[in-house]
Amino acid sequence: MKIEKLTEDVFKVTVSGSVATQHEVTVTDIAHYHLTSGRTTKEELLDFSFKFLLDREPNTSIFSQFDIIVISQYFPEYESELLQILS
């Protein structure tokens, strides 16, 4: 997995697998602080988030463009698992 910063809030995540995929993910400062209380970088948050998603679905099922906040709408356990990792 490769994470590339495009702007302060937008990242390109490339996931290799049987089919390589690219995802444009928005991580605003507000979302970053909400999810991590500033205890990790945006890149580390994305790394955890994609590992979390890939444990649940193939990379080809992950949206090609999304805001990091939507993960918890599809996976309610996302934020609690993130907090466990951060504490």
Protein backbone atom coordinates (compact mmCIF):
# COMPACT_ATOMS: atom_id res chain seq x y z
CA MET A 1 0.00 0.00 0.00
CA LYS A 2 1.28 3.44 -0.92
CA ILE A 3 -0.05 6.71 0.54
CA GLU A 4 0.66 9.92 -1.32
CA LYS A 5 -0.27 13.38 -0.05
CA LEU A 6 -1.94 15.44 -2.80
CA THR A 7 -3.03 18.42 -0.66
CA GLU A 8 -3.28 19.11 3.09
CA ASP A 9 -6.58 17.20 3.15
CA VAL A 10 -6.50 14.86 0.15
CA PHE A 11 -4.45 11.68 -0.20
CA LYS A 12 -4.06 9.10 -2.94
CA VAL A 13 -3.89 5.55 -1.63
CA THR A 14 -2.71 2.85 -4.01
CA VAL A 15 -3.52 -0.72 -2.99
CA SER A 16 -1.83 -3.58 -4.77
CA GLY A 17 -3.57 -6.91 -5.00
CA SER A 18 -4.71 -9.20 -7.77
CA VAL A 19 -6.10 -5.92 -9.14
CA ALA A 20 -4.34 -2.67 -8.18
CA THR A 21 -6.68 0.14 -7.13
CA GLN A 22 -6.33 3.85 -6.40
CA HIS A 23 -8.42 5.73 -3.89
CA GLU A 24 -8.66 9.46 -3.25
CA VAL A 25 -9.42 10.01 0.42
CA THR A 26 -10.22 13.29 2.15
CA VAL A 27 -8.99 13.68 5.73
CA THR A 28 -9.80 17.16 7.00
CA ASP A 29 -8.12 18.49 10.14
CA ILE A 30 -11.51 18.31 11.90
CA ALA A 31 -12.03 14.65 10.92
CA HIS A 32 -8.44 13.80 11.84
CA TYR A 33 -8.81 15.34 15.29
CA HIS A 34 -12.25 13.77 15.80
CA LEU A 35 -10.91 10.30 15.03
CA THR A 36 -7.48 10.50 16.69
CA SER A 37 -7.41 13.54 19.03
CA GLY A 38 -4.19 14.37 17.19
CA ARG A 39 -2.42 11.25 18.49
CA THR A 40 -1.31 10.11 15.05
CA THR A 41 -0.56 11.55 11.63
CA LYS A 42 -3.07 11.59 8.80
CA GLU A 43 -0.92 9.05 6.96
CA GLU A 44 -0.93 6.68 9.95
CA LEU A 45 -4.70 7.10 10.21
CA LEU A 46 -5.04 6.18 6.53
CA ASP A 47 -2.75 3.18 6.97
CA PHE A 48 -4.89 1.86 9.84
CA SER A 49 -8.11 2.67 7.97
CA PHE A 50 -7.15 0.79 4.82
CA LYS A 51 -5.91 -2.23 6.78
CA PHE A 52 -9.25 -2.14 8.62
CA LEU A 53 -11.19 -1.98 5.33
CA LEU A 54 -9.08 -4.66 3.64
CA ASP A 55 -9.80 -7.04 6.53
CA ARG A 56 -13.49 -6.69 5.63
CA GLU A 57 -13.65 -6.34 1.85
CA PRO A 58 -11.47 -6.60 -1.26
CA ASN A 59 -9.71 -3.45 -2.44
CA THR A 60 -11.91 -3.46 -5.54
CA SER A 61 -14.96 -2.87 -3.27
CA ILE A 62 -13.50 0.20 -1.56
CA PHE A 63 -14.82 3.50 -2.97
CA SER A 64 -12.43 5.21 -5.34
CA GLN A 65 -13.17 8.58 -3.72
CA PHE A 66 -14.45 9.16 -0.18
CA ASP A 67 -14.16 11.12 3.05
CA ILE A 68 -12.56 9.17 5.91
CA ILE A 69 -15.60 9.89 8.12
CA VAL A 70 -17.89 7.68 6.00
CA ILE A 71 -16.09 4.49 7.08
CA SER A 72 -17.96 4.44 10.39
CA GLN A 73 -21.30 4.72 8.55
CA TYR A 74 -20.60 1.35 6.90
CA PHE A 75 -18.61 -0.20 9.75
CA PRO A 76 -19.87 1.01 13.16
CA GLU A 77 -16.93 -0.68 14.94
CA TYR A 78 -14.35 1.42 13.05
CA GLU A 79 -13.98 4.23 15.59
CA SER A 80 -13.84 1.91 18.64
CA GLU A 81 -11.16 -0.26 16.98
CA LEU A 82 -9.20 2.87 16.10
CA LEU A 83 -9.38 4.06 19.71
CA GLN A 84 -8.09 0.68 20.92
CA ILE A 85 -5.07 0.98 18.63
CA LEU A 86 -4.37 4.56 19.78
CA SER A 87 -4.59 3.85 23.51
